[in-house]
């Protein structure tokens, strides 16, 4: 047998081993947590109730933060007005 005749045989063996390893890895991933999560997502078995409750809680937190921000802005405006008046009074008293 000529050594040049072995190259195609080794090429086929390498191809079969590579495809086998990739197939085994794909099955291992599909049976693992990632595959299970994907199958639940495709099957529609996610918990809409839990998600809806979490979204409502986040909306309430955002609304509360908006109110706090409005209060802080009002206080800042008030402080700026007081500081502006105080500067004018100091200048008027010195002149």
Protein backbone atom coordinates (compact mmCIF):
# COMPACT_ATOMS: atom_id res chain seq x y z
CA UNK A 1 0.00 0.00 0.00
CA UNK A 2 1.28 3.41 -0.99
CA UNK A 3 1.57 6.10 1.77
CA UNK A 4 -0.39 8.50 -0.46
CA UNK A 5 -3.38 6.13 -0.29
CA UNK A 6 -3.62 6.55 3.52
CA UNK A 7 -4.25 10.32 3.38
CA UNK A 8 -7.92 10.04 2.27
CA UNK A 9 -8.55 7.31 4.86
CA UNK A 10 -7.10 9.42 7.69
CA UNK A 11 -9.07 12.40 6.40
CA UNK A 12 -12.32 10.43 6.59
CA UNK A 13 -11.47 9.13 10.07
CA UNK A 14 -10.70 12.67 11.23
CA UNK A 15 -13.99 13.90 9.76
CA UNK A 16 -16.00 11.15 11.44
CA UNK A 17 -14.32 11.80 14.80
CA UNK A 18 -14.88 15.56 14.50
CA UNK A 19 -18.57 15.15 13.62
CA UNK A 20 -18.98 12.65 16.45
CA UNK A 21 -17.38 15.00 18.98
CA UNK A 22 -19.51 17.92 17.81
CA UNK A 23 -22.67 15.81 17.98
CA UNK A 24 -21.80 14.64 21.50
CA UNK A 25 -21.17 18.25 22.60
CA UNK A 26 -24.47 19.42 21.09
CA UNK A 27 -26.38 16.67 22.92
CA UNK A 28 -24.57 17.47 26.20
CA UNK A 29 -25.48 21.16 25.87
CA UNK A 30 -29.08 20.37 24.93
CA UNK A 31 -29.50 18.13 27.99
CA UNK A 32 -27.87 20.66 30.31
CA UNK A 33 -29.37 23.75 31.96
CA UNK A 34 -29.05 25.83 28.81
CA UNK A 35 -31.00 23.33 26.72
CA UNK A 36 -33.65 22.97 29.41
CA UNK A 37 -34.11 26.72 29.68
CA UNK A 38 -34.36 26.99 25.92
CA UNK A 39 -36.96 24.23 25.75
CA UNK A 40 -39.03 25.87 28.51
CA UNK A 41 -38.85 29.19 26.66
CA UNK A 42 -39.88 27.63 23.35
CA UNK A 43 -42.63 25.63 25.05
CA UNK A 44 -43.99 28.75 26.73
CA UNK A 45 -43.60 27.39 30.23
CA UNK A 46 -42.29 30.62 31.75
CA UNK A 47 -44.02 32.16 34.73
CA UNK A 48 -46.02 35.14 33.50
CA UNK A 49 -47.43 35.78 36.98
CA UNK A 50 -44.02 36.15 38.58
CA UNK A 51 -42.82 38.35 35.77
CA UNK A 52 -45.90 40.57 35.95
CA UNK A 53 -45.47 41.01 39.71
CA UNK A 54 -41.82 41.91 39.28
CA UNK A 55 -42.66 44.46 36.58
CA UNK A 56 -45.33 46.04 38.81
CA UNK A 57 -42.88 46.26 41.72
CA UNK A 58 -40.30 47.91 39.48
CA UNK A 59 -42.88 50.40 38.19
CA UNK A 60 -43.78 51.35 41.76
CA UNK A 61 -40.11 51.87 42.57
CA UNK A 62 -39.66 54.08 39.51
CA UNK A 63 -42.69 56.18 40.45
CA UNK A 64 -41.37 56.61 43.98
CA UNK A 65 -37.98 57.65 42.64
CA UNK A 66 -39.65 60.17 40.31
CA UNK A 67 -41.46 61.73 43.28
CA UNK A 68 -38.21 61.90 45.23
CA UNK A 69 -36.47 63.53 42.27
CA UNK A 70 -39.23 66.13 41.94
CA UNK A 71 -38.95 66.91 45.67
CA UNK A 72 -35.17 67.26 45.39
CA UNK A 73 -35.52 69.57 42.38
CA UNK A 74 -38.01 71.77 44.25
CA UNK A 75 -35.67 71.99 47.24
CA UNK A 76 -32.76 72.86 44.97
CA UNK A 77 -34.78 75.62 43.29
CA UNK A 78 -35.79 76.99 46.70
CA UNK A 79 -32.18 76.96 47.90
CA UNK A 80 -31.00 78.72 44.75
CA UNK A 81 -33.64 81.41 45.24
CA UNK A 82 -32.58 81.92 48.87
CA UNK A 83 -28.93 82.15 47.92
CA UNK A 84 -29.69 84.61 45.14
CA UNK A 85 -31.72 86.82 47.50
CA UNK A 86 -29.00 86.62 50.14
CA UNK A 87 -26.36 87.78 47.67
CA UNK A 88 -28.48 90.76 46.65
CA UNK A 89 -29.17 91.71 50.26
CA UNK A 90 -25.47 91.56 51.13
CA UNK A 91 -24.55 93.77 48.18
CA UNK A 92 -27.35 96.23 48.97
CA UNK A 93 -26.25 96.50 52.62
CA UNK A 94 -22.58 97.13 51.76
CA UNK A 95 -23.31 99.89 49.24
